[in-house]
Amino acid sequence: MDSIEKQFQAGIDKAMAIRDKAYMIWLTTLCYKLIIAAENNKEYDNITGNTVTSYACGIYENSKLIKVVTDISIPPPVRVKLTEGETMPAGSVSYDGYLKTSFTGSVPTDQRYGDDYSWMFLANFRPNHKGFAIVMTTGTEYSLYLETAKHLDVLTKTFNDADNLINGLI
C-alpha cells in the first residue's frame, strides 16, 4: 500500500471512530431516556425497591456488550428481593415509606438485589444483530408477574413509546 492509500485508510479509520463515538453518545442518551420513562410509567408499588432500581440498558456492538446504563441517582433498595411465601410485616420500612399492611412475595426469586440480576442478564445476553443494539431489562423475576397477573406496567409502555423517544433524539 502506498503512502496516499495509507493516508486515505487512516482518514477512513478516524471517521469511523468519530462516528462510533457519536453513536455511543446518542445510544447512551436514549438509554437514560428509556430508564427515566420506565420509572415514570411504572404502576407498581416499591416494596423493596429492587424493580425500580434495576432498570438497565445494555448497549451492544456486534453482539458484544460494551456499556451498561443505569440510574444511579435514585436510592438503593431497602433489602434483597422477597421470594415466594416470604413476608414483610406491616410497619416494615419499604422503599416507598412504611408498609401499612404486610406484603408476601408471590414469585420465587434468587433473593439477591435486582441490579445484580440485571447486570448478569445483560452480560450473558447476546443479541443476534450486527452493528449497535440496545437491550433493556429489569432485575426482578416478578416483573412479568406484575405485568401479566396484576396488569401493572413495568416496561410495556416504555417499549411501546420507544419510537417516540428515538424520534425525539433525531
Protein backbone atom coordinates (compact mmCIF):
# COMPACT_ATOMS: atom_id res chain seq x y z
CA MET A 1 0.00 0.00 0.00
CA ASP A 2 1.50 3.34 -0.98
CA SER A 3 1.54 6.49 1.15
CA ILE A 4 -1.64 8.01 -0.32
CA GLU A 5 -3.60 4.78 0.26
CA LYS A 6 -2.30 4.63 3.85
CA GLN A 7 -3.34 8.22 4.48
CA PHE A 8 -6.75 7.57 2.95
CA GLN A 9 -7.25 4.46 5.12
CA ALA A 10 -6.13 6.40 8.22
CA GLY A 11 -8.74 9.05 7.37
CA ILE A 12 -11.46 6.41 6.96
CA ASP A 13 -10.47 4.80 10.30
CA LYS A 14 -10.60 8.18 12.04
CA ALA A 15 -14.01 8.98 10.54
CA MET A 16 -15.35 5.60 11.67
CA ALA A 17 -14.04 6.18 15.21
CA ILE A 18 -15.74 9.59 15.32
CA ARG A 19 -18.97 8.04 14.02
CA ASP A 20 -18.86 5.27 16.62
CA LYS A 21 -18.26 7.78 19.44
CA ALA A 22 -21.26 9.82 18.24
CA TYR A 23 -23.39 6.63 18.16
CA MET A 24 -22.35 5.82 21.75
CA ILE A 25 -23.30 9.29 22.97
CA TRP A 26 -26.66 9.05 21.20
CA LEU A 27 -27.36 5.49 22.41
CA THR A 28 -26.37 6.36 26.00
CA THR A 29 -28.73 9.35 25.94
CA LEU A 30 -31.50 7.14 24.59
CA CYS A 31 -30.87 4.58 27.35
CA TYR A 32 -31.18 7.27 30.04
CA LYS A 33 -34.44 8.45 28.46
CA LEU A 34 -35.79 4.87 28.39
CA ILE A 35 -34.93 4.31 32.05
CA ILE A 36 -36.49 7.60 33.15
CA ALA A 37 -39.59 6.77 31.07
CA ALA A 38 -39.86 3.35 32.74
CA GLU A 39 -39.54 4.95 36.18
CA ASN A 40 -42.26 7.47 35.29
CA ASN A 41 -44.55 4.88 33.66
CA LYS A 42 -44.41 2.29 36.44
CA GLU A 43 -47.71 1.34 38.05
CA TYR A 44 -46.49 -0.90 40.88
CA ASP A 45 -45.63 -0.05 44.48
CA ASN A 46 -41.99 -0.12 45.54
CA ILE A 47 -41.89 -2.62 48.38
CA THR A 48 -38.15 -3.48 48.35
CA GLY A 49 -37.13 -1.08 45.58
CA ASN A 50 -35.50 -3.81 43.53
CA THR A 51 -37.54 -3.40 40.35
CA VAL A 52 -37.24 0.37 40.01
CA THR A 53 -33.51 0.36 40.88
CA SER A 54 -32.77 -2.50 38.48
CA TYR A 55 -33.85 -0.85 35.24
CA ALA A 56 -30.83 -1.19 32.97
CA CYS A 57 -29.94 -0.86 29.31
CA GLY A 58 -27.14 -2.78 27.70
CA ILE A 59 -25.51 -1.30 24.63
CA TYR A 60 -24.09 -3.95 22.31
CA GLU A 61 -21.88 -3.73 19.26
CA ASN A 62 -21.89 -6.79 17.01
CA SER A 63 -23.49 -8.82 19.84
CA LYS A 64 -20.82 -7.82 22.38
CA LEU A 65 -21.86 -5.86 25.48
CA ILE A 66 -19.89 -2.63 25.53
CA LYS A 67 -21.78 -0.50 28.08
CA VAL A 68 -24.47 -0.77 30.76
CA VAL A 69 -26.58 2.28 31.61
CA THR A 70 -28.49 2.53 34.91
CA ASP A 71 -29.97 5.31 37.03
CA ILE A 72 -27.55 5.78 39.92
CA SER A 73 -29.38 8.91 41.10
CA ILE A 74 -32.12 7.02 42.94
CA PRO A 75 -31.68 5.45 46.39
CA PRO A 76 -30.70 1.78 46.57
CA PRO A 77 -33.23 -0.93 47.53
CA VAL A 78 -34.06 -1.32 51.21
CA ARG A 79 -33.40 -5.06 51.11
CA VAL A 80 -32.94 -8.03 48.78
CA LYS A 81 -35.89 -9.30 46.74
CA LEU A 82 -38.67 -11.07 48.61
CA THR A 83 -39.24 -14.60 47.44
CA GLU A 84 -42.44 -16.63 47.19
CA GLY A 85 -44.02 -17.02 50.62
CA GLU A 86 -41.66 -14.57 52.36
CA THR A 87 -43.48 -11.76 54.21
CA MET A 88 -42.56 -8.21 55.15
CA PRO A 89 -44.75 -7.37 58.15
CA ALA A 90 -46.90 -4.25 58.40
CA GLY A 91 -44.85 -1.32 59.64
CA SER A 92 -41.67 -2.51 57.90
CA VAL A 93 -39.64 0.14 56.13
CA SER A 94 -40.40 -0.24 52.44
CA TYR A 95 -38.78 1.62 49.55
CA ASP A 96 -41.77 3.99 49.41
CA GLY A 97 -42.00 4.55 53.18
CA TYR A 98 -43.69 2.20 55.62
CA LEU A 99 -45.92 -0.75 54.81
CA LYS A 100 -49.46 -0.19 56.03
CA THR A 101 -50.23 -3.90 55.65
CA SER A 102 -47.96 -6.91 55.41
CA PHE A 103 -46.74 -7.99 51.98
CA THR A 104 -45.95 -11.56 50.92
CA GLY A 105 -43.88 -12.45 47.86
CA SER A 106 -45.73 -14.33 45.11
CA VAL A 107 -42.84 -15.40 42.85
CA PRO A 108 -39.67 -17.39 43.56
CA THR A 109 -36.57 -15.15 43.35
CA ASP A 110 -32.84 -15.54 43.82
CA GLN A 111 -33.20 -13.42 47.00
CA ARG A 112 -30.48 -11.04 45.80
CA TYR A 113 -30.53 -7.44 44.63
CA GLY A 114 -32.28 -6.67 41.35
CA ASP A 115 -29.44 -4.64 39.85
CA ASP A 116 -27.09 -7.65 40.21
CA TYR A 117 -29.60 -9.73 38.22
CA SER A 118 -29.84 -7.04 35.51
CA TRP A 119 -26.07 -6.88 35.12
CA MET A 120 -25.84 -10.69 34.98
CA PHE A 121 -28.59 -10.89 32.37
CA LEU A 122 -27.04 -8.21 30.16
CA ALA A 123 -23.55 -9.74 30.47
CA ASN A 124 -24.84 -13.13 29.33
CA PHE A 125 -27.31 -11.97 26.67
CA ARG A 126 -26.17 -11.89 23.04
CA PRO A 127 -28.45 -10.08 20.60
CA ASN A 128 -28.39 -11.61 17.14
CA HIS A 129 -27.69 -8.28 15.49
CA LYS A 130 -24.82 -6.74 13.55
CA GLY A 131 -23.93 -3.20 14.49
CA PHE A 132 -25.32 -1.48 17.58
CA ALA A 133 -28.25 -2.73 19.66
CA ILE A 134 -29.93 -1.75 22.94
CA VAL A 135 -31.49 -4.25 25.35
CA MET A 136 -33.48 -3.01 28.35
CA THR A 137 -34.30 -5.17 31.36
CA THR A 138 -35.34 -5.25 34.97
CA GLY A 139 -33.64 -7.44 37.52
CA THR A 140 -36.70 -8.89 39.19
CA GLU A 141 -38.19 -12.24 38.40
CA TYR A 142 -41.61 -10.86 39.30
CA SER A 143 -41.65 -8.12 36.66
CA LEU A 144 -43.50 -10.44 34.29
CA TYR A 145 -45.88 -11.39 37.12
CA LEU A 146 -46.63 -7.71 37.77
CA GLU A 147 -47.38 -7.17 34.07
CA THR A 148 -49.41 -10.33 33.36
CA ALA A 149 -51.13 -11.27 36.63
CA LYS A 150 -51.51 -7.84 38.22
CA HIS A 151 -51.84 -5.87 34.93
CA LEU A 152 -49.38 -3.24 36.19
CA ASP A 153 -46.94 -1.52 33.87
CA VAL A 154 -43.27 -2.34 34.40
CA LEU A 155 -41.77 -1.94 30.90
CA THR A 156 -44.57 -2.32 28.35
CA LYS A 157 -45.49 1.37 27.99
CA THR A 158 -41.80 2.29 27.73
CA PHE A 159 -41.36 -0.32 24.99
CA ASN A 160 -44.43 0.94 23.17
CA ASP A 161 -43.23 4.56 23.45
CA ALA A 162 -39.63 3.82 22.44
CA ASP A 163 -40.16 5.03 18.85
CA ASN A 164 -41.29 8.42 20.16
CA LEU A 165 -38.20 8.65 22.39
CA ILE A 166 -35.96 7.72 19.46
CA ASN A 167 -37.67 10.23 17.16
CA GLY A 168 -37.26 12.91 19.84
CA LEU A 169 -33.48 12.45 19.64
CA ILE A 170 -33.26 12.54 15.86
